[in-house]
Amino acid sequence: MVHPLAAFALVFWGSVIFGRRGREWRAVALAAFILVALVVLGADWAVHPAAGMLLGFFGSRAFHRWRANWPALLVGLLAGVLFMLLGAGWLIVPLFVMGMIWLFTTALAWSGGKTSAPHGVPPSVSALPEQGGGLPMGSLGARAEKAAARAVRREARRQTRTRLETPPPAAVPVPEAAAADLLTAYLRDERLPGEARAQLAALNLRTREALTYLDNLGQSGSEAAYLARAVRDEYAPTAVQAYLKLPPTLANTAPLQDGKTGRDLLREQLDLLLNAVQDILKTALQAGGQELLTHQRFLEDRFRQVKRDLEV
């Protein structure tokens, strides 16, 4: 019974020393106590894999932030002494070598930290003691974040001034006929996002198609035709103009409502207009299709009568 328990104890030992609990000396002590007790009760073979895992524990903890882990490391060292007394005497050699390496690297790090700066080069502010004018790292981080935020705001104001002082592409004179069609003019406006210009291109095609189709049906004065012209001449240009009034550096990043930016709201409005024009086309199709359906019924009735006359 003691041997299966020793196997489970080894698993527990490994999960403790190589997991988050390896930083807690109580957890390390509990796992080591269970192993030592089972070895004393007869599972003497378990001391060797436990000692091997202990070497890995020292290698991962002693050379990285050992000051934060020193209580657990001290308990691990005591566990190593017990393992050697219980039969894993070979552990003393690798432990001695690792200890010498740790002392050597720690001494080098200590001497490097005490080395003064070269002549003429002032020490960093973070290296100075707080009483001598140095600042704690938290204060430095907060000041760095504030400085970065100020730099971002300055850059945003500079870009806004540049954009306002530079004539936009849409300000280039265009022929009067083209200027009258705002929707077509905005298709070439580089201030708009690419997806917005693609939506405007689709609106341009669909509204033209709807107006042409309704005109062919003799419904140019209908409510559907009025709505299609309003989408083309008023609703879509108004949405674009409202977007272009936003600060260029914030239009695509700053949330305006429910986490949506100006770019998101423009896309949603143009989608609504596209759906509305699509509904106009479907309604016009049904109206225009009545004539085609009527003609189909006439043909079916006519040739059905001809077929009956031929059979007689």
Protein backbone atom coordinates (compact mmCIF):
# COMPACT_ATOMS: atom_id res chain seq x y z
CA MET A 1 0.00 0.00 0.00
CA VAL A 2 2.88 2.36 0.75
CA HIS A 3 4.29 2.13 -2.79
CA PRO A 4 1.18 3.42 -4.61
CA LEU A 5 0.93 6.17 -2.02
CA ALA A 6 4.55 7.07 -2.71
CA ALA A 7 3.80 7.34 -6.43
CA PHE A 8 0.95 9.75 -5.71
CA ALA A 9 3.20 11.64 -3.29
CA LEU A 10 5.79 12.08 -6.05
CA VAL A 11 3.14 13.51 -8.36
CA PHE A 12 2.03 15.88 -5.61
CA TRP A 13 5.65 16.85 -4.92
CA GLY A 14 6.25 17.69 -8.58
CA SER A 15 3.00 19.67 -8.91
CA VAL A 16 3.94 21.76 -5.87
CA ILE A 17 7.56 22.61 -6.58
CA PHE A 18 7.02 23.24 -10.31
CA GLY A 19 3.72 25.08 -9.93
CA ARG A 20 2.59 28.32 -8.37
CA ARG A 21 2.65 26.78 -4.92
CA GLY A 22 6.41 26.36 -5.27
CA ARG A 23 6.73 29.91 -3.97
CA GLU A 24 4.95 29.00 -0.72
CA TRP A 25 7.21 27.39 1.88
CA ARG A 26 4.28 25.73 3.67
CA ALA A 27 3.21 23.84 0.53
CA VAL A 28 6.81 22.73 -0.14
CA ALA A 29 7.19 21.62 3.47
CA LEU A 30 3.94 19.61 3.37
CA ALA A 31 4.86 17.82 0.14
CA ALA A 32 8.37 17.04 1.46
CA PHE A 33 7.00 15.76 4.79
CA ILE A 34 4.63 13.35 3.03
CA LEU A 35 7.47 11.98 0.89
CA VAL A 36 9.85 11.59 3.82
CA ALA A 37 7.17 9.79 5.85
CA LEU A 38 6.45 7.31 3.04
CA VAL A 39 10.17 6.67 2.48
CA VAL A 40 10.60 5.95 6.19
CA LEU A 41 7.62 3.55 6.00
CA GLY A 42 9.28 1.53 3.25
CA ALA A 43 9.09 3.28 -0.14
CA ASP A 44 12.83 4.01 -0.14
CA TRP A 45 12.94 4.08 -3.96
CA ALA A 46 10.91 7.32 -4.02
CA VAL A 47 13.72 9.38 -2.51
CA HIS A 48 15.78 9.31 -5.75
CA PRO A 49 13.17 10.78 -8.17
CA ALA A 50 12.18 13.26 -5.46
CA ALA A 51 15.82 14.39 -5.19
CA GLY A 52 16.07 14.73 -8.98
CA MET A 53 12.99 16.92 -9.06
CA LEU A 54 14.44 18.98 -6.24
CA LEU A 55 17.43 19.84 -8.44
CA GLY A 56 15.03 21.15 -11.07
CA PHE A 57 13.27 23.18 -8.38
CA PHE A 58 16.51 24.87 -7.36
CA GLY A 59 17.47 25.50 -10.98
CA SER A 60 14.16 27.25 -11.74
CA ARG A 61 13.80 29.22 -8.50
CA ALA A 62 17.29 30.02 -7.22
CA PHE A 63 18.51 31.85 -10.33
CA HIS A 64 15.38 33.93 -10.89
CA ARG A 65 14.06 36.35 -8.25
CA TRP A 66 15.49 34.28 -5.41
CA ARG A 67 14.76 37.06 -2.91
CA ALA A 68 11.03 36.51 -3.38
CA ASN A 69 11.39 32.71 -3.18
CA TRP A 70 13.98 32.32 -0.43
CA PRO A 71 11.62 30.82 2.23
CA ALA A 72 10.56 28.06 -0.17
CA LEU A 73 14.18 27.57 -1.27
CA LEU A 74 15.29 27.20 2.35
CA VAL A 75 12.61 24.56 2.98
CA GLY A 76 13.71 22.80 -0.21
CA LEU A 77 17.31 22.77 1.00
CA LEU A 78 16.22 21.16 4.30
CA ALA A 79 14.25 18.59 2.29
CA GLY A 80 17.40 17.88 0.28
CA VAL A 81 19.34 17.21 3.49
CA LEU A 82 16.64 14.74 4.57
CA PHE A 83 16.72 13.05 1.15
CA MET A 84 20.49 12.61 1.43
CA LEU A 85 20.13 11.11 4.90
CA LEU A 86 17.48 8.69 3.56
CA GLY A 87 19.67 7.35 0.75
CA ALA A 88 20.10 9.98 -1.99
CA GLY A 89 23.66 10.83 -0.99
CA TRP A 90 24.56 11.57 -4.61
CA LEU A 91 22.52 14.79 -4.28
CA ILE A 92 25.34 16.57 -2.43
CA VAL A 93 27.56 16.93 -5.52
CA PRO A 94 25.04 18.65 -7.87
CA LEU A 95 23.76 20.75 -4.95
CA PHE A 96 27.31 21.90 -4.19
CA VAL A 97 27.96 22.79 -7.85
CA MET A 98 24.68 24.67 -8.15
CA GLY A 99 25.44 26.53 -4.91
CA MET A 100 28.84 27.65 -6.21
CA ILE A 101 27.32 28.83 -9.48
CA TRP A 102 24.60 30.70 -7.60
CA LEU A 103 27.14 32.41 -5.34
CA PHE A 104 29.30 33.39 -8.32
CA THR A 105 26.41 34.84 -10.38
CA THR A 106 24.96 36.61 -7.35
CA ALA A 107 28.33 38.16 -6.55
CA LEU A 108 28.69 39.36 -10.15
CA ALA A 109 25.21 40.89 -10.13
CA TRP A 110 25.90 42.57 -6.79
CA SER A 111 29.21 44.04 -7.94
CA GLY A 112 27.63 45.19 -11.24
CA GLY A 113 24.87 46.99 -9.35
CA LYS A 114 27.43 48.79 -7.19
CA THR A 115 29.61 49.91 -10.11
CA SER A 116 29.53 53.66 -10.53
CA ALA A 117 28.65 55.28 -13.84
CA PRO A 118 31.46 56.32 -16.21
CA HIS A 119 32.96 59.75 -15.78
CA GLY A 120 30.77 62.41 -17.34
CA VAL A 121 27.66 60.20 -17.54
CA PRO A 122 25.10 60.99 -14.83
CA PRO A 123 23.44 58.02 -13.15
CA SER A 124 19.86 57.26 -14.12
CA VAL A 125 17.19 58.80 -11.94
CA SER A 126 15.79 55.40 -11.08
CA ALA A 127 19.21 54.29 -9.77
CA LEU A 128 19.37 57.11 -7.23
CA PRO A 129 17.99 56.59 -3.74
CA GLU A 130 14.72 58.35 -3.13
CA GLN A 131 16.27 60.45 -0.35
CA GLY A 132 18.88 61.75 -2.80
CA GLY A 133 16.39 62.91 -5.42
CA GLY A 134 15.59 59.64 -7.14
CA LEU A 135 12.01 58.66 -7.90
CA PRO A 136 10.32 55.34 -7.24
CA MET A 137 9.56 53.24 -10.31
CA GLY A 138 5.80 53.67 -9.87
CA SER A 139 6.21 57.46 -10.01
CA LEU A 140 8.40 57.18 -13.10
CA GLY A 141 5.83 54.97 -14.84
CA ALA A 142 3.00 57.39 -14.03
CA ARG A 143 5.01 60.36 -15.27
CA ALA A 144 5.98 58.50 -18.45
CA GLU A 145 2.34 57.67 -19.15
CA LYS A 146 1.30 61.30 -18.62
CA ALA A 147 4.10 62.52 -20.89
CA ALA A 148 3.06 60.04 -23.58
CA ALA A 149 -0.57 61.17 -23.29
CA ARG A 150 0.47 64.81 -23.66
CA ALA A 151 2.55 63.94 -26.72
CA VAL A 152 -0.40 62.14 -28.31
CA ARG A 153 -2.68 65.13 -27.69
CA ARG A 154 -0.12 67.54 -29.15
CA GLU A 155 0.27 65.36 -32.24
CA ALA A 156 -3.52 65.15 -32.66
CA ARG A 157 -3.82 68.96 -32.47
CA ARG A 158 -0.97 69.37 -34.95
CA GLN A 159 -2.54 66.99 -37.44
CA THR A 160 -5.92 68.69 -37.05
CA ARG A 161 -4.39 72.10 -37.78
CA THR A 162 -2.57 70.65 -40.79
CA ARG A 163 -5.74 69.13 -42.17
CA LEU A 164 -7.70 72.33 -41.64
CA GLU A 165 -5.02 74.50 -43.28
CA THR A 166 -4.54 72.13 -46.24
CA PRO A 167 -7.38 72.23 -48.82
CA PRO A 168 -9.03 68.80 -48.98
CA PRO A 169 -9.25 66.96 -52.29
CA ALA A 170 -12.98 67.77 -52.49
CA ALA A 171 -12.17 71.49 -52.46
CA VAL A 172 -10.64 71.29 -55.97
CA PRO A 173 -12.98 73.07 -58.43
CA VAL A 174 -15.17 70.72 -60.43
CA PRO A 175 -17.58 71.32 -63.26
CA GLU A 176 -21.01 72.64 -62.25
CA ALA A 177 -22.78 69.52 -63.52
CA ALA A 178 -20.62 67.30 -61.34
CA ALA A 179 -20.84 69.66 -58.35
CA ALA A 180 -24.62 69.38 -58.45
CA ASP A 181 -24.37 65.61 -57.81
CA LEU A 182 -22.86 65.43 -54.31
CA LEU A 183 -23.09 61.64 -54.13
CA THR A 184 -20.83 61.26 -57.18
CA ALA A 185 -18.42 63.89 -55.86
CA TYR A 186 -18.02 62.09 -52.52
CA LEU A 187 -17.00 58.90 -54.31
CA ARG A 188 -13.59 60.52 -54.94
CA ASP A 189 -13.21 62.14 -51.51
CA GLU A 190 -10.13 60.58 -49.90
CA ARG A 191 -11.16 61.83 -46.46
CA LEU A 192 -13.78 59.07 -46.34
CA PRO A 193 -12.94 55.50 -45.31
CA GLY A 194 -12.67 52.95 -48.11
CA GLU A 195 -15.78 51.01 -47.05
CA ALA A 196 -17.84 54.23 -46.97
CA ARG A 197 -16.83 55.07 -50.54
CA ALA A 198 -17.73 51.52 -51.58
CA GLN A 199 -21.16 51.94 -50.00
CA LEU A 200 -21.62 55.27 -51.79
CA ALA A 201 -20.71 53.61 -55.09
CA ALA A 202 -23.38 50.96 -54.46
CA LEU A 203 -25.91 53.67 -53.56
CA ASN A 204 -25.04 55.54 -56.74
CA LEU A 205 -25.72 52.48 -58.91
CA ARG A 206 -28.89 51.36 -57.12
CA THR A 207 -30.55 54.77 -56.98
CA ARG A 208 -29.81 55.35 -60.68
CA GLU A 209 -31.24 51.92 -61.49
CA ALA A 210 -34.36 52.53 -59.37
CA LEU A 211 -35.02 55.99 -60.86
CA THR A 212 -34.50 54.75 -64.44
CA TYR A 213 -36.80 51.78 -63.89
CA LEU A 214 -39.54 53.86 -62.29
CA ASP A 215 -39.28 56.41 -65.08
CA ASN A 216 -39.73 53.65 -67.68
CA LEU A 217 -42.84 52.51 -65.83
CA GLY A 218 -44.22 56.04 -65.94
CA GLN A 219 -43.87 56.38 -62.14
CA SER A 220 -41.30 59.16 -62.00
CA GLY A 221 -43.62 61.16 -59.77
CA SER A 222 -44.42 58.31 -57.41
CA GLU A 223 -43.53 58.14 -53.72
CA ALA A 224 -40.88 55.49 -54.46
CA ALA A 225 -39.17 57.78 -56.98
CA TYR A 226 -39.28 60.68 -54.50
CA LEU A 227 -37.67 58.50 -51.82
CA ALA A 228 -34.93 57.28 -54.19
CA ARG A 229 -34.08 60.89 -55.15
CA ALA A 230 -34.06 61.91 -51.48
CA VAL A 231 -31.63 59.10 -50.63
CA ARG A 232 -29.35 60.17 -53.47
CA ASP A 233 -29.52 63.95 -53.15
CA GLU A 234 -30.14 64.52 -49.44
CA TYR A 235 -29.89 61.59 -47.01
CA ALA A 236 -26.54 60.10 -48.13
CA PRO A 237 -24.75 63.48 -48.61
CA THR A 238 -26.01 64.68 -45.20
CA ALA A 239 -24.57 61.59 -43.48
CA VAL A 240 -21.22 62.11 -45.22
CA GLN A 241 -21.13 65.83 -44.35
CA ALA A 242 -21.81 65.07 -40.68
CA TYR A 243 -18.90 62.59 -40.65
CA LEU A 244 -16.53 65.08 -42.33
CA LYS A 245 -17.26 67.65 -39.62
CA LEU A 246 -15.66 65.37 -37.02
CA PRO A 247 -11.98 65.91 -36.09
CA PRO A 248 -10.00 63.83 -38.64
CA THR A 249 -7.74 62.26 -36.01
CA LEU A 250 -10.67 61.14 -33.83
CA ALA A 251 -13.38 60.28 -36.34
CA ASN A 252 -12.23 56.66 -36.62
CA THR A 253 -11.11 56.06 -33.04
CA ALA A 254 -13.08 58.08 -30.47
CA PRO A 255 -16.39 56.46 -29.42
CA LEU A 256 -19.47 58.65 -29.81
CA GLN A 257 -22.31 56.35 -28.72
CA ASP A 258 -22.38 52.80 -27.31
CA GLY A 259 -18.70 52.40 -28.13
CA LYS A 260 -19.25 53.26 -31.82
CA THR A 261 -16.97 55.71 -33.60
CA GLY A 262 -17.97 58.19 -36.28
CA ARG A 263 -16.78 55.70 -38.88
CA ASP A 264 -19.05 52.99 -37.43
CA LEU A 265 -22.08 55.30 -37.38
CA LEU A 266 -21.47 56.40 -40.98
CA ARG A 267 -21.27 52.78 -42.07
CA GLU A 268 -24.54 51.94 -40.28
CA GLN A 269 -26.38 54.90 -41.83
CA LEU A 270 -25.21 54.05 -45.34
CA ASP A 271 -26.26 50.43 -44.78
CA LEU A 272 -29.75 51.65 -43.82
CA LEU A 273 -29.95 53.70 -47.01
CA LEU A 274 -28.77 50.75 -49.11
CA ASN A 275 -31.48 48.55 -47.61
CA ALA A 276 -34.08 51.24 -48.26
CA VAL A 277 -33.11 51.52 -51.93
CA GLN A 278 -33.16 47.73 -52.21
CA ASP A 279 -36.75 47.75 -50.87
CA ILE A 280 -37.67 50.40 -53.45
CA LEU A 281 -36.30 48.19 -56.23
CA LYS A 282 -38.25 45.18 -54.95
CA THR A 283 -41.49 47.19 -54.82
CA ALA A 284 -40.90 48.56 -58.32
CA LEU A 285 -40.13 45.07 -59.58
CA GLN A 286 -43.44 43.77 -58.26
CA ALA A 287 -45.31 46.69 -59.85
CA GLY A 288 -43.57 46.25 -63.19
CA GLY A 289 -43.92 42.51 -63.10
CA GLN A 290 -47.71 42.69 -63.09
CA GLU A 291 -47.73 43.47 -66.81
CA LEU A 292 -45.46 40.51 -67.52
CA LEU A 293 -47.65 38.21 -65.40
CA THR A 294 -50.79 39.44 -67.13
CA HIS A 295 -49.28 38.74 -70.53
CA GLN A 296 -48.24 35.26 -69.36
CA ARG A 297 -51.81 34.47 -68.28
CA PHE A 298 -53.11 35.72 -71.64
CA LEU A 299 -50.70 33.47 -73.54
CA GLU A 300 -51.56 30.45 -71.41
CA ASP A 301 -55.31 30.98 -71.94
CA ARG A 302 -54.89 31.65 -75.68
CA PHE A 303 -52.83 28.60 -76.50
CA ARG A 304 -54.88 26.38 -74.20
CA GLN A 305 -57.95 27.31 -76.32
CA VAL A 306 -56.01 26.65 -79.55
CA LYS A 307 -55.01 23.22 -78.25
CA ARG A 308 -58.65 22.34 -77.48
CA ASP A 309 -59.76 23.45 -80.97
CA LEU A 310 -57.09 21.29 -82.63
CA GLU A 311 -58.12 18.24 -80.60
CA VAL A 312 -61.75 18.65 -81.72
